[in-house]
C-alpha atoms as a PDB file:
ATOM      1  CA  MET A   1      98.152  73.143  82.395  1.00  0.00           C
ATOM      2  CA  THR A   2      96.781  70.319  84.536  1.00  0.00           C
ATOM      3  CA  PHE A   3      94.986  70.858  87.832  1.00  0.00           C
ATOM      4  CA  GLY A   4      97.428  71.806  90.585  1.00  0.00           C
ATOM      5  CA  GLU A   5     100.294  72.606  88.196  1.00  0.00           C
ATOM      6  CA  GLN A   6     101.955  75.949  88.770  1.00  0.00           C
ATOM      7  CA  PRO A   7     102.351  78.493  85.972  1.00  0.00           C
ATOM      8  CA  ALA A   8     105.856  78.506  84.519  1.00  0.00           C
ATOM      9  CA  TYR A   9     106.815  81.870  86.040  1.00  0.00           C
ATOM     10  CA  LEU A  10     105.921  80.635  89.537  1.00  0.00           C
ATOM     11  CA  ARG A  11     107.989  77.460  89.080  1.00  0.00           C
ATOM     12  CA  VAL A  12     110.988  79.557  88.023  1.00  0.00           C
ATOM     13  CA  ALA A  13     110.456  81.980  90.914  1.00  0.00           C
ATOM     14  CA  SER A  14     110.159  79.051  93.340  1.00  0.00           C
ATOM     15  CA  ASP A  15     113.473  77.560  92.221  1.00  0.00           C
ATOM     16  CA  LEU A  16     115.256  80.898  92.438  1.00  0.00           C
ATOM     17  CA  ARG A  17     113.700  81.484  95.867  1.00  0.00           C
ATOM     18  CA  ARG A  18     115.099  78.160  97.103  1.00  0.00           C
ATOM     19  CA  LYS A  19     118.552  79.161  95.888  1.00  0.00           C
ATOM     20  CA  ILE A  20     118.282  82.444  97.797  1.00  0.00           C
ATOM     21  CA  VAL A  21     116.999  80.827 100.997  1.00  0.00           C
ATOM     22  CA  ASP A  22     119.590  78.026 101.092  1.00  0.00           C
ATOM     23  CA  GLY A  23     122.459  80.400 100.324  1.00  0.00           C
ATOM     24  CA  ARG A  24     123.336  79.357  96.783  1.00  0.00           C
ATOM     25  CA  LEU A  25     122.463  82.937  95.842  1.00  0.00           C
ATOM     26  CA  PRO A  26     123.766  84.850  98.908  1.00  0.00           C
ATOM     27  CA  PRO A  27     122.962  88.492  99.719  1.00  0.00           C
ATOM     28  CA  HIS A  28     124.362  91.090  97.291  1.00  0.00           C
ATOM     29  CA  THR A  29     124.763  88.446  94.569  1.00  0.00           C
ATOM     30  CA  ARG A  30     123.517  89.529  91.159  1.00  0.00           C
ATOM     31  CA  LEU A  31     120.418  87.597  90.131  1.00  0.00           C
ATOM     32  CA  PRO A  32     120.820  85.707  86.821  1.00  0.00           C
ATOM     33  CA  SER A  33     119.921  87.971  83.939  1.00  0.00           C
ATOM     34  CA  GLN A  34     116.658  87.630  82.078  1.00  0.00           C
ATOM     35  CA  ALA A  35     118.537  85.990  79.193  1.00  0.00           C
ATOM     36  CA  ARG A  36     120.243  83.552  81.574  1.00  0.00           C
ATOM     37  CA  ILE A  37     116.932  82.612  83.207  1.00  0.00           C
ATOM     38  CA  ARG A  38     115.390  82.098  79.781  1.00  0.00           C
ATOM     39  CA  GLU A  39     118.196  79.759  78.715  1.00  0.00           C
ATOM     40  CA  GLU A  40     118.553  77.858  82.011  1.00  0.00           C
ATOM     41  CA  TYR A  41     114.855  77.157  82.463  1.00  0.00           C
ATOM     42  CA  GLY A  42     113.812  76.998  78.838  1.00  0.00           C
ATOM     43  CA  VAL A  43     111.185  79.698  79.178  1.00  0.00           C
ATOM     44  CA  SER A  44     110.199  82.845  77.313  1.00  0.00           C
ATOM     45  CA  ASP A  45     111.362  86.360  78.106  1.00  0.00           C
ATOM     46  CA  THR A  46     107.909  87.098  79.479  1.00  0.00           C
ATOM     47  CA  VAL A  47     108.092  84.175  81.930  1.00  0.00           C
ATOM     48  CA  ALA A  48     111.607  85.169  83.027  1.00  0.00           C
ATOM     49  CA  LEU A  49     110.484  88.763  83.594  1.00  0.00           C
ATOM     50  CA  GLU A  50     107.422  87.702  85.598  1.00  0.00           C
ATOM     51  CA  ALA A  51     109.530  85.395  87.783  1.00  0.00           C
ATOM     52  CA  ARG A  52     111.858  88.282  88.623  1.00  0.00           C
ATOM     53  CA  LYS A  53     108.839  90.471  89.426  1.00  0.00           C
ATOM     54  CA  VAL A  54     107.604  87.847  91.902  1.00  0.00           C
ATOM     55  CA  LEU A  55     110.923  87.851  93.745  1.00  0.00           C
ATOM     56  CA  MET A  56     110.967  91.643  93.838  1.00  0.00           C
ATOM     57  CA  ALA A  57     107.400  91.758  95.192  1.00  0.00           C
ATOM     58  CA  GLU A  58     108.441  89.307  97.925  1.00  0.00           C
ATOM     59  CA  GLY A  59     111.318  91.591  98.890  1.00  0.00           C
ATOM     60  CA  LEU A  60     113.955  88.949  98.129  1.00  0.00           C
ATOM     61  CA  VAL A  61     115.710  90.958  95.418  1.00  0.00           C
ATOM     62  CA  GLU A  62     116.078  94.611  94.523  1.00  0.00           C
ATOM     63  CA  GLY A  63     116.846  96.466  91.318  1.00  0.00           C
ATOM     64  CA  ARG A  64     119.858  98.749  91.134  1.00  0.00           C
ATOM     65  CA  SER A  65     119.750 101.374  88.420  1.00  0.00           C
ATOM     66  CA  GLY A  66     122.088 100.553  85.557  1.00  0.00           C
ATOM     67  CA  SER A  67     123.485  97.500  87.348  1.00  0.00           C
ATOM     68  CA  GLY A  68     120.874  94.775  87.487  1.00  0.00           C
ATOM     69  CA  THR A  69     118.897  92.899  90.125  1.00  0.00           C
ATOM     70  CA  TYR A  70     120.570  91.745  93.342  1.00  0.00           C
ATOM     71  CA  VAL A  71     119.671  89.493  96.266  1.00  0.00           C
ATOM     72  CA  ARG A  72     118.698  91.584  99.282  1.00  0.00           C
ATOM     73  CA  GLU A  73     120.139  91.161 102.750  1.00  0.00           C
ATOM     74  CA  ARG A  74     117.539  89.213 104.712  1.00  0.00           C
ATOM     75  CA  PRO A  75     116.952  90.860 108.095  1.00  0.00           C
ATOM     76  CA  VAL A  76     116.485  88.652 111.130  1.00  0.00           C
ATOM     77  CA  PRO A  77     113.029  89.586 112.447  1.00  0.00           C
ATOM     78  CA  ARG A  78     113.005  91.215 115.859  1.00  0.00           C
ATOM     79  CA  ARG A  79     110.116  91.279 118.281  1.00  0.00           C
ATOM     80  CA  VAL A  80     107.806  94.150 119.059  1.00  0.00           C
ATOM     81  CA  ALA A  81     106.234  93.191 122.367  1.00  0.00           C
ATOM     82  CA  ARG A  82     102.494  93.591 122.755  1.00  0.00           C
ATOM     83  CA  SER A  83     101.314  93.273 126.325  1.00  0.00           C
ATOM     84  CA  GLY A  84      98.038  95.138 126.569  1.00  0.00           C
ATOM     85  CA  PHE A  85      98.030  98.091 128.937  1.00  0.00           C
ATOM     86  CA  ARG A  86     100.152  98.674 132.021  1.00  0.00           C
ATOM     87  CA  PRO A  87      97.959 100.667 134.404  1.00  0.00           C
ATOM     88  CA  GLU A  88     100.321 100.330 137.347  1.00  0.00           C
ATOM     89  CA  ARG A  89     103.346 101.993 135.725  1.00  0.00           C
ATOM     90  CA  GLY A  90     101.852 104.887 133.793  1.00  0.00           C
ATOM     91  CA  ALA A  91     104.296 104.795 130.858  1.00  0.00           C
ATOM     92  CA  THR A  92     103.152 104.103 127.321  1.00  0.00           C
ATOM     93  CA  PRO A  93     103.442 100.426 126.333  1.00  0.00           C
ATOM     94  CA  PHE A  94     106.182 101.339 123.812  1.00  0.00           C
ATOM     95  CA  ARG A  95     108.236 103.220 126.408  1.00  0.00           C
ATOM     96  CA  GLN A  96     107.889 100.430 128.967  1.00  0.00           C
ATOM     97  CA  GLU A  97     108.717  97.700 126.462  1.00  0.00           C
ATOM     98  CA  GLN A  98     111.830  99.577 125.346  1.00  0.00           C
ATOM     99  CA  ALA A  99     112.926  99.966 128.968  1.00  0.00           C
ATOM    100  CA  ASP A 100     112.333  96.271 129.648  1.00  0.00           C
ATOM    101  CA  ALA A 101     114.488  95.363 126.625  1.00  0.00           C
ATOM    102  CA  GLY A 102     117.254  97.788 127.597  1.00  0.00           C
ATOM    103  CA  VAL A 103     117.109  99.761 124.327  1.00  0.00           C
ATOM    104  CA  HIS A 104     116.528 103.417 123.561  1.00  0.00           C
ATOM    105  CA  GLY A 105     113.201 104.184 121.931  1.00  0.00           C
ATOM    106  CA  THR A 106     111.994 107.565 120.699  1.00  0.00           C
ATOM    107  CA  TRP A 107     108.967 108.794 118.820  1.00  0.00           C
ATOM    108  CA  GLU A 108     107.642 111.747 116.868  1.00  0.00           C
ATOM    109  CA  SER A 109     103.992 112.767 116.908  1.00  0.00           C
ATOM    110  CA  SER A 110     101.522 115.316 115.605  1.00  0.00           C
ATOM    111  CA  SER A 111      97.896 115.877 116.636  1.00  0.00           C
ATOM    112  CA  GLU A 112      94.972 117.669 115.044  1.00  0.00           C
ATOM    113  CA  GLN A 113      91.233 117.896 115.538  1.00  0.00           C
ATOM    114  CA  THR A 114      89.230 116.374 112.718  1.00  0.00           C
ATOM    115  CA  GLU A 115      85.913 114.699 111.910  1.00  0.00           C
ATOM    116  CA  ALA A 116      85.592 110.950 112.391  1.00  0.00           C
ATOM    117  CA  ARG A 117      85.312 108.942 109.202  1.00  0.00           C
ATOM    118  CA  ALA A 118      82.646 106.243 109.126  1.00  0.00           C
ATOM    119  CA  ALA A 119      85.058 103.381 109.924  1.00  0.00           C
ATOM    120  CA  VAL A 120      86.635 105.258 112.836  1.00  0.00           C
ATOM    121  CA  ALA A 121      83.245 106.359 114.137  1.00  0.00           C
ATOM    122  CA  GLU A 122      82.072 102.745 114.181  1.00  0.00           C
ATOM    123  CA  ARG A 123      85.121 101.667 116.172  1.00  0.00           C
ATOM    124  CA  LEU A 124      84.591 104.481 118.687  1.00  0.00           C
ATOM    125  CA  GLY A 125      80.822 104.060 118.931  1.00  0.00           C
ATOM    126  CA  ILE A 126      80.173 107.643 117.794  1.00  0.00           C
ATOM    127  CA  GLU A 127      78.522 109.247 114.771  1.00  0.00           C
ATOM    128  CA  PRO A 128      80.396 109.893 111.507  1.00  0.00           C
ATOM    129  CA  GLY A 129      81.479 113.518 111.504  1.00  0.00           C
ATOM    130  CA  ASP A 130      81.823 113.735 115.287  1.00  0.00           C
ATOM    131  CA  ARG A 131      84.983 115.531 116.352  1.00  0.00           C
ATOM    132  CA  VAL A 132      88.015 113.451 117.318  1.00  0.00           C
ATOM    133  CA  MET A 133      91.633 114.088 118.196  1.00  0.00           C
ATOM    134  CA  HIS A 134      93.704 112.487 115.443  1.00  0.00           C
ATOM    135  CA  THR A 135      97.326 111.732 116.380  1.00  0.00           C
ATOM    136  CA  LYS A 136     100.056 110.237 114.185  1.00  0.00           C
ATOM    137  CA  TYR A 137     103.194 108.604 115.620  1.00  0.00           C
ATOM    138  CA  LEU A 138     106.479 107.359 114.197  1.00  0.00           C
ATOM    139  CA  PHE A 139     108.353 105.142 116.681  1.00  0.00           C
ATOM    140  CA  ARG A 140     112.082 104.487 116.449  1.00  0.00           C
ATOM    141  CA  GLU A 141     114.410 102.019 118.134  1.00  0.00           C
ATOM    142  CA  ALA A 142     118.043 103.168 118.245  1.00  0.00           C
ATOM    143  CA  GLY A 143     117.167 105.571 115.425  1.00  0.00           C
ATOM    144  CA  GLU A 144     115.625 102.922 113.168  1.00  0.00           C
ATOM    145  CA  PRO A 145     111.907 103.223 112.298  1.00  0.00           C
ATOM    146  CA  VAL A 146     109.997 100.447 114.077  1.00  0.00           C
ATOM    147  CA  MET A 147     106.317 101.189 113.677  1.00  0.00           C
ATOM    148  CA  LEU A 148     103.671 103.764 112.914  1.00  0.00           C
ATOM    149  CA  SER A 149     100.545 104.435 114.913  1.00  0.00           C
ATOM    150  CA  THR A 150      97.502 106.518 114.071  1.00  0.00           C
ATOM    151  CA  SER A 151      95.073 107.061 116.932  1.00  0.00           C
ATOM    152  CA  TRP A 152      91.682 108.676 117.392  1.00  0.00           C
ATOM    153  CA  GLU A 153      90.049 109.825 120.640  1.00  0.00           C
ATOM    154  CA  PRO A 154      86.504 111.247 120.856  1.00  0.00           C
ATOM    155  CA  LEU A 155      86.596 114.909 121.830  1.00  0.00           C
ATOM    156  CA  ALA A 156      83.210 114.457 123.493  1.00  0.00           C
ATOM    157  CA  LEU A 157      85.251 112.603 126.129  1.00  0.00           C
ATOM    158  CA  THR A 158      88.586 114.426 126.238  1.00  0.00           C
ATOM    159  CA  GLY A 159      87.764 117.868 124.827  1.00  0.00           C
ATOM    160  CA  ARG A 160      88.436 120.797 127.190  1.00  0.00           C
ATOM    161  CA  THR A 161      90.335 118.519 129.594  1.00  0.00           C
ATOM    162  CA  PRO A 162      94.073 118.480 130.463  1.00  0.00           C
ATOM    163  CA  VAL A 163      94.529 115.282 128.409  1.00  0.00           C
ATOM    164  CA  MET A 164      92.917 116.497 125.174  1.00  0.00           C
ATOM    165  CA  LEU A 165      96.329 116.516 123.444  1.00  0.00           C
ATOM    166  CA  PRO A 166      98.017 113.110 123.977  1.00  0.00           C
ATOM    167  CA  GLU A 167     101.565 114.475 123.864  1.00  0.00           C
ATOM    168  CA  GLU A 168     101.089 117.788 125.646  1.00  0.00           C
ATOM    169  CA  GLY A 169     100.060 118.979 129.092  1.00  0.00           C
ATOM    170  CA  PRO A 170     100.845 117.474 132.511  1.00  0.00           C
ATOM    171  CA  LEU A 171     100.317 113.897 131.268  1.00  0.00           C
ATOM    172  CA  GLY A 172     101.746 114.335 127.785  1.00  0.00           C
ATOM    173  CA  GLY A 173     103.471 111.185 126.586  1.00  0.00           C
ATOM    174  CA  MET A 174     101.806 108.926 129.126  1.00  0.00           C
ATOM    175  CA  GLY A 175      99.746 105.915 128.137  1.00  0.00           C
ATOM    176  CA  VAL A 176      96.042 105.988 127.344  1.00  0.00           C
ATOM    177  CA  VAL A 177      95.219 104.229 130.630  1.00  0.00           C
ATOM    178  CA  GLU A 178      96.981 106.830 132.771  1.00  0.00           C
ATOM    179  CA  ARG A 179      95.619 109.787 130.807  1.00  0.00           C
ATOM    180  CA  MET A 180      92.042 108.541 130.982  1.00  0.00           C
ATOM    181  CA  ARG A 181      92.349 107.866 134.699  1.00  0.00           C
ATOM    182  CA  ALA A 182      93.211 111.540 135.168  1.00  0.00           C
ATOM    183  CA  ILE A 183      89.715 112.468 133.937  1.00  0.00           C
ATOM    184  CA  ASP A 184      88.047 109.697 135.987  1.00  0.00           C
ATOM    185  CA  VAL A 185      87.693 107.300 133.064  1.00  0.00           C
ATOM    186  CA  ILE A 186      88.902 103.847 134.102  1.00  0.00           C
ATOM    187  CA  VAL A 187      90.147 101.715 131.216  1.00  0.00           C
ATOM    188  CA  ASP A 188      89.364  98.069 131.919  1.00  0.00           C
ATOM    189  CA  ASN A 189      89.773  96.314 128.586  1.00  0.00           C
ATOM    190  CA  VAL A 190      91.754  96.480 125.363  1.00  0.00           C
ATOM    191  CA  THR A 191      91.287  94.550 122.136  1.00  0.00           C
ATOM    192  CA  GLU A 192      93.721  94.068 119.263  1.00  0.00           C
ATOM    193  CA  GLU A 193      92.881  92.662 115.827  1.00  0.00           C
ATOM    194  CA  VAL A 194      95.912  91.692 113.734  1.00  0.00           C
ATOM    195  CA  GLY A 195      95.992  91.551 109.937  1.00  0.00           C
ATOM    196  CA  ALA A 196      98.468  91.951 107.072  1.00  0.00           C
ATOM    197  CA  ARG A 197      98.451  93.852 103.784  1.00  0.00           C
ATOM    198  CA  PRO A 198     100.865  95.495 101.339  1.00  0.00           C
ATOM    199  CA  GLY A 199     102.233  98.686 102.836  1.00  0.00           C
ATOM    200  CA  LEU A 200     100.972 102.005 101.506  1.00  0.00           C
ATOM    201  CA  ALA A 201     103.534 104.154  99.728  1.00  0.00           C
ATOM    202  CA  GLU A 202     103.572 106.779 102.484  1.00  0.00           C
ATOM    203  CA  GLU A 203     103.929 104.100 105.181  1.00  0.00           C
ATOM    204  CA  LEU A 204     106.857 102.406 103.459  1.00  0.00           C
ATOM    205  CA  ALA A 205     108.555 105.755 102.889  1.00  0.00           C
ATOM    206  CA  LEU A 206     108.528 106.361 106.653  1.00  0.00           C
ATOM    207  CA  LEU A 207     109.396 102.785 107.628  1.00  0.00           C
ATOM    208  CA  GLY A 208     112.181 102.335 105.084  1.00  0.00           C
ATOM    209  CA  GLY A 209     110.481  99.623 103.034  1.00  0.00           C
ATOM    210  CA  VAL A 210     110.143  99.136  99.287  1.00  0.00           C
ATOM    211  CA  PRO A 211     106.940  98.893  97.211  1.00  0.00           C
ATOM    212  CA  GLY A 212     105.250  95.537  97.698  1.00  0.00           C
ATOM    213  CA  HIS A 213     106.515  94.942 101.222  1.00  0.00           C
ATOM    214  CA  VAL A 214     103.940  93.559 103.615  1.00  0.00           C
ATOM    215  CA  VAL A 215     103.064  95.252 106.886  1.00  0.00           C
ATOM    216  CA  LEU A 216     101.276  93.988 109.979  1.00  0.00           C
ATOM    217  CA  VAL A 217      98.315  96.148 110.945  1.00  0.00           C
ATOM    218  CA  ILE A 218      97.055  95.991 114.522  1.00  0.00           C
ATOM    219  CA  GLN A 219      93.683  97.609 115.174  1.00  0.00           C
ATOM    220  CA  ARG A 220      93.691  98.441 118.884  1.00  0.00           C
ATOM    221  CA  THR A 221      90.816  99.808 120.915  1.00  0.00           C
ATOM    222  CA  TYR A 222      90.727 100.728 124.613  1.00  0.00           C
ATOM    223  CA  PHE A 223      87.443 100.448 126.532  1.00  0.00           C
ATOM    224  CA  ALA A 224      86.092 101.817 129.798  1.00  0.00           C
ATOM    225  CA  SER A 225      82.998  99.956 131.035  1.00  0.00           C
ATOM    226  CA  GLY A 226      82.263  98.881 127.470  1.00  0.00           C
ATOM    227  CA  ARG A 227      82.704 102.369 125.970  1.00  0.00           C
ATOM    228  CA  PRO A 228      85.512 102.808 123.409  1.00  0.00           C
ATOM    229  CA  VAL A 229      87.767 105.652 124.548  1.00  0.00           C
ATOM    230  CA  GLU A 230      90.604 105.378 122.004  1.00  0.00           C
ATOM    231  CA  THR A 231      91.255 103.398 118.845  1.00  0.00           C
ATOM    232  CA  ALA A 232      94.425 103.144 116.792  1.00  0.00           C
ATOM    233  CA  ASP A 233      96.011 101.494 113.770  1.00  0.00           C
ATOM    234  CA  VAL A 234      99.535 100.259 114.516  1.00  0.00           C
ATOM    235  CA  VAL A 235     101.627  99.457 111.422  1.00  0.00           C
ATOM    236  CA  ILE A 236     104.764  97.281 111.662  1.00  0.00           C
ATOM    237  CA  PRO A 237     107.071  96.176 108.783  1.00  0.00           C
ATOM    238  CA  ALA A 238     106.518  92.410 108.604  1.00  0.00           C
ATOM    239  CA  ASP A 239     109.929  91.609 107.111  1.00  0.00           C
ATOM    240  CA  ARG A 240     111.787  93.098 110.095  1.00  0.00           C
ATOM    241  CA  TYR A 241     109.524  92.647 113.095  1.00  0.00           C
ATOM    242  CA  ARG A 242     107.129  90.190 114.702  1.00  0.00           C
ATOM    243  CA  ALA A 243     104.352  91.098 117.123  1.00  0.00           C
ATOM    244  CA  ALA A 244     104.953  89.086 120.300  1.00  0.00           C
ATOM    245  CA  TYR A 245     102.050  88.895 122.748  1.00  0.00           C
ATOM    246  CA  HIS A 246     102.408  88.495 126.511  1.00  0.00           C
ATOM    247  CA  LEU A 247      98.948  87.787 127.895  1.00  0.00           C
ATOM    248  CA  PRO A 248      98.216  87.221 131.583  1.00  0.00           C
ATOM    249  CA  VAL A 249      96.359  84.060 132.548  1.00  0.00           C
ATOM    250  CA  LYS A 250      93.546  84.702 135.004  1.00  0.00           C
END
């Protein structure tokens, strides 16, 4: 193989991908069999199998037990708005963004006290093993899973206060900014770091994805006078949603 030349299985996968994208292999069409790929492209069974695996990993095709491999319906990505915090309204960013878009959003959550792992402790500026409130969220839009969020708040800050549990008490369900203000902690900055990776099995099970699907991961941290007061990992299925940022210009 000369420099820059693709392996045979990638060339086959690339040609099949083009046929899927331009509609020559429309959704729900059965992908050519391994024997057909072998004959059409003049490749071995191994190459044909690897090409099919590439398309499955990319989420373009799916296997159906006892029937074969079929082209998947390609969803049109929708936006999940990211607009920092909204201190003047009090609602969570998700709730406000759903209201702005005129759709019905719901979420499920569970909280527990735990010890901060090293990575979380670093993000919160505390010591590994310090106690934090760990909250998991599953957000839905019109019943469809949209994103997951896992947040951590240092109990040295919120413990024994009315906002210790993010979804309970007089400010349950409100945003971090509003909850922190209630205990005289003024949030004045938020950072978000965006990356992508293959989704974990438990994430894809909740979000309705298949193994190999890529997710966007947004690491968000709220600050008050330079002190981290909450950090979270927000996970969004990359094949169905895009993170759209609305940033004020000062």
